[in-house]
């Protein structure tokens, strides 16, 4: 089964592509069968089976996506089908300037406002942490400058190599986002994760903890042809084209930002939200 290329997808003004997304953990994968469906070698298929975080496996029309998901799912992969629109309309990160766990709610402050999240609210947490051996020591002034710009994509790029905790919740049906950068606020990460237990209906997705962020695709650059970067893996031209067809604003989105949006889209909370 050969899915349409992103160029074919974006040549039509019709619907945003449907995404087949891996949703680890997977079962025992038949790598030979999966490799044939994915048009890659078994070694690369094994890397995809072991990758701990969700990633796009295919982008196409809804019928093709459903057929492909059924076929690939039969090899042992755990998959979810998403409309690409699930990745747009979400708030961009705006790191908190203060965070207080009160008796019955979490209180967070931003540049221009404050927000409270009751502990009985439905909350989706997404925890991203780069490996210690590759973590960049980003300068505080760089983050301050990005936050001061108020430009979401710029902020997302500034926090890409730092530990990040995103908390998504609904406020009158619309999704809100609280982004915490622990080292910017001199907060202990492990203590922060323990404090999250106060939320009685928290779904914490930590599958991006320990994942090395990859650079987004840049035309004319090298280093995008390894077996871990096949098909729609992050950092490939295919994924960039698909994201561009969904929204130009997502074209060069950093991997942790992309992963956070995917994690929210895969959560039950996404189905009941109005991202507008």
C-alpha atoms as a PDB file:
ATOM      1  CA  UNK A   1       0.000   0.000   0.000  1.00  0.00           C
ATOM      2  CA  UNK A   2       1.578   3.241  -1.168  1.00  0.00           C
ATOM      3  CA  UNK A   3       0.170   6.357   0.543  1.00  0.00           C
ATOM      4  CA  UNK A   4      -0.009   9.611  -1.408  1.00  0.00           C
ATOM      5  CA  UNK A   5       2.980  11.893  -1.060  1.00  0.00           C
ATOM      6  CA  UNK A   6       2.659  15.189   0.832  1.00  0.00           C
ATOM      7  CA  UNK A   7       3.092  16.981  -2.486  1.00  0.00           C
ATOM      8  CA  UNK A   8      -0.016  15.182  -3.763  1.00  0.00           C
ATOM      9  CA  UNK A   9      -1.878  16.015  -0.574  1.00  0.00           C
ATOM     10  CA  UNK A  10      -1.185  19.721  -0.661  1.00  0.00           C
ATOM     11  CA  UNK A  11      -1.864  19.997  -4.391  1.00  0.00           C
ATOM     12  CA  UNK A  12      -5.559  19.657  -3.556  1.00  0.00           C
ATOM     13  CA  UNK A  13      -7.462  22.413  -1.702  1.00  0.00           C
ATOM     14  CA  UNK A  14      -9.594  19.803   0.049  1.00  0.00           C
ATOM     15  CA  UNK A  15      -9.484  18.576   3.632  1.00  0.00           C
ATOM     16  CA  UNK A  16      -6.511  18.680   5.955  1.00  0.00           C
ATOM     17  CA  UNK A  17      -4.737  15.279   5.866  1.00  0.00           C
ATOM     18  CA  UNK A  18      -5.633  12.476   8.224  1.00  0.00           C
ATOM     19  CA  UNK A  19      -2.720  11.250  10.333  1.00  0.00           C
ATOM     20  CA  UNK A  20      -1.957   7.703  11.412  1.00  0.00           C
ATOM     21  CA  UNK A  21      -0.044   8.167  14.660  1.00  0.00           C
ATOM     22  CA  UNK A  22       1.880   5.550  16.612  1.00  0.00           C
ATOM     23  CA  UNK A  23       0.725   5.461  20.226  1.00  0.00           C
ATOM     24  CA  UNK A  24       3.303   3.496  22.265  1.00  0.00           C
ATOM     25  CA  UNK A  25       3.756   1.144  23.956  1.00  0.00           C
ATOM     26  CA  UNK A  26       3.370  -1.344  21.116  1.00  0.00           C
ATOM     27  CA  UNK A  27       2.886  -5.072  21.157  1.00  0.00           C
ATOM     28  CA  UNK A  28       5.338  -7.562  19.746  1.00  0.00           C
ATOM     29  CA  UNK A  29       5.860  -6.191  16.233  1.00  0.00           C
ATOM     30  CA  UNK A  30       6.350  -8.332  13.152  1.00  0.00           C
ATOM     31  CA  UNK A  31       9.189  -6.236  11.789  1.00  0.00           C
ATOM     32  CA  UNK A  32       9.300  -7.905   8.382  1.00  0.00           C
ATOM     33  CA  UNK A  33       5.593  -7.276   7.758  1.00  0.00           C
ATOM     34  CA  UNK A  34       5.742  -3.752   9.195  1.00  0.00           C
ATOM     35  CA  UNK A  35       8.784  -2.916   7.073  1.00  0.00           C
ATOM     36  CA  UNK A  36       6.941  -3.872   3.897  1.00  0.00           C
ATOM     37  CA  UNK A  37       3.998  -1.643   4.777  1.00  0.00           C
ATOM     38  CA  UNK A  38       6.222   1.255   5.747  1.00  0.00           C
ATOM     39  CA  UNK A  39       8.516   0.790   2.736  1.00  0.00           C
ATOM     40  CA  UNK A  40      11.607   0.727   4.954  1.00  0.00           C
ATOM     41  CA  UNK A  41      14.035  -1.982   6.036  1.00  0.00           C
ATOM     42  CA  UNK A  42      13.368  -4.148   9.129  1.00  0.00           C
ATOM     43  CA  UNK A  43      16.097  -2.377  11.117  1.00  0.00           C
ATOM     44  CA  UNK A  44      14.408   0.999  10.645  1.00  0.00           C
ATOM     45  CA  UNK A  45      11.043  -0.583  11.445  1.00  0.00           C
ATOM     46  CA  UNK A  46      12.574  -1.849  14.684  1.00  0.00           C
ATOM     47  CA  UNK A  47      13.671   1.668  15.596  1.00  0.00           C
ATOM     48  CA  UNK A  48      10.116   2.878  15.086  1.00  0.00           C
ATOM     49  CA  UNK A  49       8.759   0.024  17.211  1.00  0.00           C
ATOM     50  CA  UNK A  50      11.130   0.988  20.037  1.00  0.00           C
ATOM     51  CA  UNK A  51      10.628   4.760  19.833  1.00  0.00           C
ATOM     52  CA  UNK A  52       8.816   5.626  23.092  1.00  0.00           C
ATOM     53  CA  UNK A  53       6.866   8.696  21.969  1.00  0.00           C
ATOM     54  CA  UNK A  54       4.023   9.112  19.452  1.00  0.00           C
ATOM     55  CA  UNK A  55       5.004   9.943  15.876  1.00  0.00           C
ATOM     56  CA  UNK A  56       3.288  10.217  12.513  1.00  0.00           C
ATOM     57  CA  UNK A  57       3.409   7.011  10.459  1.00  0.00           C
ATOM     58  CA  UNK A  58       1.321   8.168   7.503  1.00  0.00           C
ATOM     59  CA  UNK A  59      -0.642  11.169   6.215  1.00  0.00           C
ATOM     60  CA  UNK A  60      -3.389  10.747   3.628  1.00  0.00           C
ATOM     61  CA  UNK A  61      -7.133  10.941   3.080  1.00  0.00           C
ATOM     62  CA  UNK A  62      -9.372   9.366   5.756  1.00  0.00           C
ATOM     63  CA  UNK A  63     -10.164   6.151   3.889  1.00  0.00           C
ATOM     64  CA  UNK A  64      -6.552   5.447   3.014  1.00  0.00           C
ATOM     65  CA  UNK A  65      -5.499   6.253   6.576  1.00  0.00           C
ATOM     66  CA  UNK A  66      -8.054   3.834   8.039  1.00  0.00           C
ATOM     67  CA  UNK A  67      -6.936   1.021   5.729  1.00  0.00           C
ATOM     68  CA  UNK A  68      -3.266   1.675   6.453  1.00  0.00           C
ATOM     69  CA  UNK A  69      -3.867   1.802  10.221  1.00  0.00           C
ATOM     70  CA  UNK A  70      -5.672  -1.527  10.088  1.00  0.00           C
ATOM     71  CA  UNK A  71      -2.861  -3.143   8.119  1.00  0.00           C
ATOM     72  CA  UNK A  72      -0.040  -1.722  10.227  1.00  0.00           C
ATOM     73  CA  UNK A  73      -1.932  -2.396  13.455  1.00  0.00           C
ATOM     74  CA  UNK A  74      -2.103  -6.067  12.514  1.00  0.00           C
ATOM     75  CA  UNK A  75       1.708  -6.211  12.699  1.00  0.00           C
ATOM     76  CA  UNK A  76       1.720  -5.207  16.382  1.00  0.00           C
ATOM     77  CA  UNK A  77       1.871  -1.404  16.305  1.00  0.00           C
ATOM     78  CA  UNK A  78      -0.567   0.516  18.510  1.00  0.00           C
ATOM     79  CA  UNK A  79      -2.022   3.324  16.400  1.00  0.00           C
ATOM     80  CA  UNK A  80      -4.502   6.199  16.568  1.00  0.00           C
ATOM     81  CA  UNK A  81      -6.070   8.051  13.650  1.00  0.00           C
ATOM     82  CA  UNK A  82      -6.199  11.841  13.977  1.00  0.00           C
ATOM     83  CA  UNK A  83      -7.383  14.604  11.714  1.00  0.00           C
ATOM     84  CA  UNK A  84      -4.489  16.997  11.225  1.00  0.00           C
ATOM     85  CA  UNK A  85      -6.649  19.836  12.528  1.00  0.00           C
ATOM     86  CA  UNK A  86      -6.166  18.366  16.036  1.00  0.00           C
ATOM     87  CA  UNK A  87      -2.691  19.931  16.036  1.00  0.00           C
ATOM     88  CA  UNK A  88      -3.833  23.497  15.357  1.00  0.00           C
ATOM     89  CA  UNK A  89      -5.736  25.997  17.454  1.00  0.00           C
ATOM     90  CA  UNK A  90      -3.894  25.042  20.644  1.00  0.00           C
ATOM     91  CA  UNK A  91      -2.254  27.759  22.741  1.00  0.00           C
ATOM     92  CA  UNK A  92       1.462  28.234  22.211  1.00  0.00           C
ATOM     93  CA  UNK A  93       3.718  27.933  25.271  1.00  0.00           C
ATOM     94  CA  UNK A  94       3.909  30.933  27.577  1.00  0.00           C
ATOM     95  CA  UNK A  95       6.131  29.911  30.516  1.00  0.00           C
ATOM     96  CA  UNK A  96       4.796  30.822  33.931  1.00  0.00           C
ATOM     97  CA  UNK A  97       6.536  33.444  36.038  1.00  0.00           C
ATOM     98  CA  UNK A  98       5.224  31.914  39.267  1.00  0.00           C
ATOM     99  CA  UNK A  99       3.597  28.685  40.365  1.00  0.00           C
ATOM    100  CA  UNK A 100       1.878  28.005  43.699  1.00  0.00           C
ATOM    101  CA  UNK A 101       0.245  24.755  44.809  1.00  0.00           C
ATOM    102  CA  UNK A 102      -2.464  26.036  47.153  1.00  0.00           C
ATOM    103  CA  UNK A 103      -4.788  23.993  49.338  1.00  0.00           C
ATOM    104  CA  UNK A 104      -7.373  23.302  46.624  1.00  0.00           C
ATOM    105  CA  UNK A 105      -5.930  24.574  43.346  1.00  0.00           C
ATOM    106  CA  UNK A 106      -2.803  25.393  41.389  1.00  0.00           C
ATOM    107  CA  UNK A 107      -2.214  29.093  40.829  1.00  0.00           C
ATOM    108  CA  UNK A 108       0.014  30.182  37.944  1.00  0.00           C
ATOM    109  CA  UNK A 109       1.018  33.656  36.819  1.00  0.00           C
ATOM    110  CA  UNK A 110       2.083  34.755  33.333  1.00  0.00           C
ATOM    111  CA  UNK A 111       3.245  38.072  31.953  1.00  0.00           C
ATOM    112  CA  UNK A 112      -0.220  39.636  31.849  1.00  0.00           C
ATOM    113  CA  UNK A 113      -2.581  37.326  33.717  1.00  0.00           C
ATOM    114  CA  UNK A 114      -3.058  34.626  36.269  1.00  0.00           C
ATOM    115  CA  UNK A 115      -4.906  31.323  36.130  1.00  0.00           C
ATOM    116  CA  UNK A 116      -6.082  28.744  38.652  1.00  0.00           C
ATOM    117  CA  UNK A 117      -6.620  25.031  38.057  1.00  0.00           C
ATOM    118  CA  UNK A 118      -8.717  23.189  40.675  1.00  0.00           C
ATOM    119  CA  UNK A 119      -7.310  19.841  41.756  1.00  0.00           C
ATOM    120  CA  UNK A 120     -10.506  18.092  40.654  1.00  0.00           C
ATOM    121  CA  UNK A 121     -10.198  19.369  37.064  1.00  0.00           C
ATOM    122  CA  UNK A 122      -9.423  17.079  34.135  1.00  0.00           C
ATOM    123  CA  UNK A 123      -5.806  17.855  33.302  1.00  0.00           C
ATOM    124  CA  UNK A 124      -3.450  16.469  30.673  1.00  0.00           C
ATOM    125  CA  UNK A 125       0.206  16.836  31.569  1.00  0.00           C
ATOM    126  CA  UNK A 126       3.002  16.445  29.016  1.00  0.00           C
ATOM    127  CA  UNK A 127       6.499  16.078  30.458  1.00  0.00           C
ATOM    128  CA  UNK A 128       9.513  16.580  28.180  1.00  0.00           C
ATOM    129  CA  UNK A 129      13.084  16.167  29.435  1.00  0.00           C
ATOM    130  CA  UNK A 130      16.214  15.893  27.267  1.00  0.00           C
ATOM    131  CA  UNK A 131      18.882  13.330  28.188  1.00  0.00           C
ATOM    132  CA  UNK A 132      21.378  14.709  30.678  1.00  0.00           C
ATOM    133  CA  UNK A 133      24.314  14.114  28.353  1.00  0.00           C
ATOM    134  CA  UNK A 134      22.809  16.259  25.594  1.00  0.00           C
ATOM    135  CA  UNK A 135      20.973  18.925  27.545  1.00  0.00           C
ATOM    136  CA  UNK A 136      21.917  22.413  26.465  1.00  0.00           C
ATOM    137  CA  UNK A 137      22.526  24.982  29.141  1.00  0.00           C
ATOM    138  CA  UNK A 138      20.393  27.666  27.517  1.00  0.00           C
ATOM    139  CA  UNK A 139      21.018  31.164  28.786  1.00  0.00           C
ATOM    140  CA  UNK A 140      18.291  32.630  30.948  1.00  0.00           C
ATOM    141  CA  UNK A 141      18.441  35.865  28.998  1.00  0.00           C
ATOM    142  CA  UNK A 142      17.577  33.976  25.816  1.00  0.00           C
ATOM    143  CA  UNK A 143      14.379  32.629  27.375  1.00  0.00           C
ATOM    144  CA  UNK A 144      13.510  35.992  28.880  1.00  0.00           C
ATOM    145  CA  UNK A 145      13.890  37.625  25.490  1.00  0.00           C
ATOM    146  CA  UNK A 146      11.733  34.991  23.819  1.00  0.00           C
ATOM    147  CA  UNK A 147       8.992  35.320  26.442  1.00  0.00           C
ATOM    148  CA  UNK A 148       9.077  39.094  26.162  1.00  0.00           C
ATOM    149  CA  UNK A 149       8.472  38.787  22.421  1.00  0.00           C
ATOM    150  CA  UNK A 150       5.120  37.108  23.080  1.00  0.00           C
ATOM    151  CA  UNK A 151       5.653  35.053  19.907  1.00  0.00           C
ATOM    152  CA  UNK A 152       4.673  31.430  20.538  1.00  0.00           C
ATOM    153  CA  UNK A 153       6.946  29.749  17.951  1.00  0.00           C
ATOM    154  CA  UNK A 154       9.930  31.769  19.214  1.00  0.00           C
ATOM    155  CA  UNK A 155       9.207  30.690  22.794  1.00  0.00           C
ATOM    156  CA  UNK A 156       8.807  27.058  21.707  1.00  0.00           C
ATOM    157  CA  UNK A 157      12.234  27.171  20.075  1.00  0.00           C
ATOM    158  CA  UNK A 158      13.814  28.805  23.141  1.00  0.00           C
ATOM    159  CA  UNK A 159      12.636  26.017  25.483  1.00  0.00           C
ATOM    160  CA  UNK A 160      13.288  23.142  23.070  1.00  0.00           C
ATOM    161  CA  UNK A 161      16.360  21.815  24.893  1.00  0.00           C
ATOM    162  CA  UNK A 162      15.050  22.374  28.421  1.00  0.00           C
ATOM    163  CA  UNK A 163      12.870  20.295  30.692  1.00  0.00           C
ATOM    164  CA  UNK A 164       9.258  21.309  30.094  1.00  0.00           C
ATOM    165  CA  UNK A 165       5.953  20.503  31.758  1.00  0.00           C
ATOM    166  CA  UNK A 166       2.777  21.410  29.891  1.00  0.00           C
ATOM    167  CA  UNK A 167      -0.588  21.276  31.666  1.00  0.00           C
ATOM    168  CA  UNK A 168      -3.666  21.351  29.434  1.00  0.00           C
ATOM    169  CA  UNK A 169      -7.158  21.891  30.841  1.00  0.00           C
ATOM    170  CA  UNK A 170     -10.523  23.217  29.740  1.00  0.00           C
ATOM    171  CA  UNK A 171     -11.922  26.606  30.648  1.00  0.00           C
ATOM    172  CA  UNK A 172     -15.548  26.994  29.541  1.00  0.00           C
ATOM    173  CA  UNK A 173     -14.955  24.428  26.814  1.00  0.00           C
ATOM    174  CA  UNK A 174     -11.791  26.033  25.436  1.00  0.00           C
ATOM    175  CA  UNK A 175      -8.386  24.497  25.964  1.00  0.00           C
ATOM    176  CA  UNK A 176      -5.889  26.374  28.126  1.00  0.00           C
ATOM    177  CA  UNK A 177      -2.216  25.619  28.579  1.00  0.00           C
ATOM    178  CA  UNK A 178       0.166  26.219  31.456  1.00  0.00           C
ATOM    179  CA  UNK A 179       3.837  25.730  30.562  1.00  0.00           C
ATOM    180  CA  UNK A 180       6.412  25.297  33.315  1.00  0.00           C
ATOM    181  CA  UNK A 181      10.157  25.467  32.660  1.00  0.00           C
ATOM    182  CA  UNK A 182      11.463  24.243  36.034  1.00  0.00           C
ATOM    183  CA  UNK A 183      15.063  25.435  35.771  1.00  0.00           C
ATOM    184  CA  UNK A 184      13.904  28.925  34.781  1.00  0.00           C
ATOM    185  CA  UNK A 185      11.933  29.129  38.027  1.00  0.00           C
ATOM    186  CA  UNK A 186      14.554  27.251  40.095  1.00  0.00           C
ATOM    187  CA  UNK A 187      12.093  24.488  40.862  1.00  0.00           C
ATOM    188  CA  UNK A 188      13.104  20.926  41.633  1.00  0.00           C
ATOM    189  CA  UNK A 189      11.744  18.717  38.855  1.00  0.00           C
ATOM    190  CA  UNK A 190      11.094  15.661  40.995  1.00  0.00           C
ATOM    191  CA  UNK A 191       9.273  17.718  43.624  1.00  0.00           C
ATOM    192  CA  UNK A 192       7.191  19.329  40.888  1.00  0.00           C
ATOM    193  CA  UNK A 193       6.147  15.913  39.578  1.00  0.00           C
ATOM    194  CA  UNK A 194       5.193  14.820  43.102  1.00  0.00           C
ATOM    195  CA  UNK A 195       3.100  17.959  43.577  1.00  0.00           C
ATOM    196  CA  UNK A 196       1.152  17.036  40.458  1.00  0.00           C
ATOM    197  CA  UNK A 197      -0.356  14.119  42.381  1.00  0.00           C
ATOM    198  CA  UNK A 198      -2.696  16.654  43.949  1.00  0.00           C
ATOM    199  CA  UNK A 199      -4.639  16.611  40.686  1.00  0.00           C
ATOM    200  CA  UNK A 200      -7.089  13.758  41.090  1.00  0.00           C
ATOM    201  CA  UNK A 201      -7.844  13.411  37.368  1.00  0.00           C
ATOM    202  CA  UNK A 202      -4.429  14.042  35.886  1.00  0.00           C
ATOM    203  CA  UNK A 203      -3.230  12.110  32.837  1.00  0.00           C
ATOM    204  CA  UNK A 204       0.544  12.545  32.705  1.00  0.00           C
ATOM    205  CA  UNK A 205       2.264  11.678  29.421  1.00  0.00           C
ATOM    206  CA  UNK A 206       6.005  11.371  30.031  1.00  0.00           C
ATOM    207  CA  UNK A 207       6.919   9.538  26.834  1.00  0.00           C
ATOM    208  CA  UNK A 208       9.120  12.435  25.701  1.00  0.00           C
ATOM    209  CA  UNK A 209      11.239  12.202  28.839  1.00  0.00           C
ATOM    210  CA  UNK A 210      14.675  11.067  27.727  1.00  0.00           C
ATOM    211  CA  UNK A 211      14.004  11.654  24.032  1.00  0.00           C
ATOM    212  CA  UNK A 212      16.719  13.705  22.339  1.00  0.00           C
ATOM    213  CA  UNK A 213      15.094  16.583  20.458  1.00  0.00           C
ATOM    214  CA  UNK A 214      15.930  16.504  16.765  1.00  0.00           C
ATOM    215  CA  UNK A 215      16.307  19.560  14.608  1.00  0.00           C
ATOM    216  CA  UNK A 216      13.459  20.363  12.244  1.00  0.00           C
ATOM    217  CA  UNK A 217      14.109  19.822   8.558  1.00  0.00           C
ATOM    218  CA  UNK A 218      16.058  22.578   6.843  1.00  0.00           C
ATOM    219  CA  UNK A 219      16.412  22.518   3.084  1.00  0.00           C
ATOM    220  CA  UNK A 220      19.972  21.840   1.939  1.00  0.00           C
ATOM    221  CA  UNK A 221      21.116  20.586   5.339  1.00  0.00           C
ATOM    222  CA  UNK A 222      22.686  17.209   6.048  1.00  0.00           C
ATOM    223  CA  UNK A 223      21.996  14.615   8.694  1.00  0.00           C
ATOM    224  CA  UNK A 224      18.392  13.819   7.825  1.00  0.00           C
ATOM    225  CA  UNK A 225      18.943  10.471   6.109  1.00  0.00           C
ATOM    226  CA  UNK A 226      19.645   8.125   9.034  1.00  0.00           C
ATOM    227  CA  UNK A 227      17.398   5.091   9.623  1.00  0.00           C
ATOM    228  CA  UNK A 228      15.722   6.857  12.564  1.00  0.00           C
ATOM    229  CA  UNK A 229      14.547   9.589  10.177  1.00  0.00           C
ATOM    230  CA  UNK A 230      12.552   7.689   7.611  1.00  0.00           C
ATOM    231  CA  UNK A 231       9.155   8.555   6.157  1.00  0.00           C
ATOM    232  CA  UNK A 232       7.329  10.954   8.515  1.00  0.00           C
ATOM    233  CA  UNK A 233       9.799  10.877  11.415  1.00  0.00           C
ATOM    234  CA  UNK A 234      10.536  14.244  12.976  1.00  0.00           C
ATOM    235  CA  UNK A 235      13.177  16.126  11.008  1.00  0.00           C
ATOM    236  CA  UNK A 236      12.176  14.769   7.589  1.00  0.00           C
ATOM    237  CA  UNK A 237      10.997  16.668   4.550  1.00  0.00           C
ATOM    238  CA  UNK A 238       7.850  14.513   4.406  1.00  0.00           C
ATOM    239  CA  UNK A 239       6.728  15.600   7.874  1.00  0.00           C
ATOM    240  CA  UNK A 240       7.587  19.231   7.205  1.00  0.00           C
ATOM    241  CA  UNK A 241       5.412  19.189   4.078  1.00  0.00           C
ATOM    242  CA  UNK A 242       2.536  17.555   5.936  1.00  0.00           C
ATOM    243  CA  UNK A 243       2.723  20.061   8.804  1.00  0.00           C
ATOM    244  CA  UNK A 244       2.882  22.910   6.317  1.00  0.00           C
ATOM    245  CA  UNK A 245      -0.273  21.584   4.650  1.00  0.00           C
ATOM    246  CA  UNK A 246      -2.019  21.554   8.043  1.00  0.00           C
ATOM    247  CA  UNK A 247      -0.832  25.029   9.047  1.00  0.00           C
ATOM    248  CA  UNK A 248       2.177  27.070   7.834  1.00  0.00           C
ATOM    249  CA  UNK A 249       2.722  28.053  11.467  1.00  0.00           C
ATOM    250  CA  UNK A 250       3.618  24.421  12.237  1.00  0.00           C
ATOM    251  CA  UNK A 251       6.056  24.031   9.345  1.00  0.00           C
ATOM    252  CA  UNK A 252       9.224  24.372  11.452  1.00  0.00           C
ATOM    253  CA  UNK A 253       7.743  23.557  14.866  1.00  0.00           C
ATOM    254  CA  UNK A 254      10.323  22.146  17.353  1.00  0.00           C
ATOM    255  CA  UNK A 255      10.045  18.478  18.277  1.00  0.00           C
ATOM    256  CA  UNK A 256       8.977  18.950  21.912  1.00  0.00           C
ATOM    257  CA  UNK A 257       6.257  21.394  20.823  1.00  0.00           C
ATOM    258  CA  UNK A 258       5.111  18.938  18.168  1.00  0.00           C
ATOM    259  CA  UNK A 259       5.202  16.087  20.684  1.00  0.00           C
ATOM    260  CA  UNK A 260       3.246  18.070  23.264  1.00  0.00           C
ATOM    261  CA  UNK A 261       0.517  18.852  20.733  1.00  0.00           C
ATOM    262  CA  UNK A 262       0.376  15.211  19.642  1.00  0.00           C
ATOM    263  CA  UNK A 263       0.109  14.040  23.254  1.00  0.00           C
ATOM    264  CA  UNK A 264      -2.800  16.392  23.905  1.00  0.00           C
ATOM    265  CA  UNK A 265      -4.522  15.407  20.656  1.00  0.00           C
ATOM    266  CA  UNK A 266      -4.288  11.739  21.658  1.00  0.00           C
ATOM    267  CA  UNK A 267      -5.864  12.380  25.064  1.00  0.00           C
ATOM    268  CA  UNK A 268      -9.589  12.031  25.851  1.00  0.00           C
ATOM    269  CA  UNK A 269      -9.650  15.706  26.873  1.00  0.00           C
ATOM    270  CA  UNK A 270      -9.030  16.731  23.254  1.00  0.00           C
ATOM    271  CA  UNK A 271     -12.344  15.247  22.123  1.00  0.00           C
ATOM    272  CA  UNK A 272     -14.321  17.544  24.407  1.00  0.00           C
ATOM    273  CA  UNK A 273     -12.405  20.766  23.783  1.00  0.00           C
ATOM    274  CA  UNK A 274     -13.013  23.664  21.452  1.00  0.00           C
ATOM    275  CA  UNK A 275      -9.530  24.943  20.494  1.00  0.00           C
ATOM    276  CA  UNK A 276     -11.022  28.193  19.235  1.00  0.00           C
END
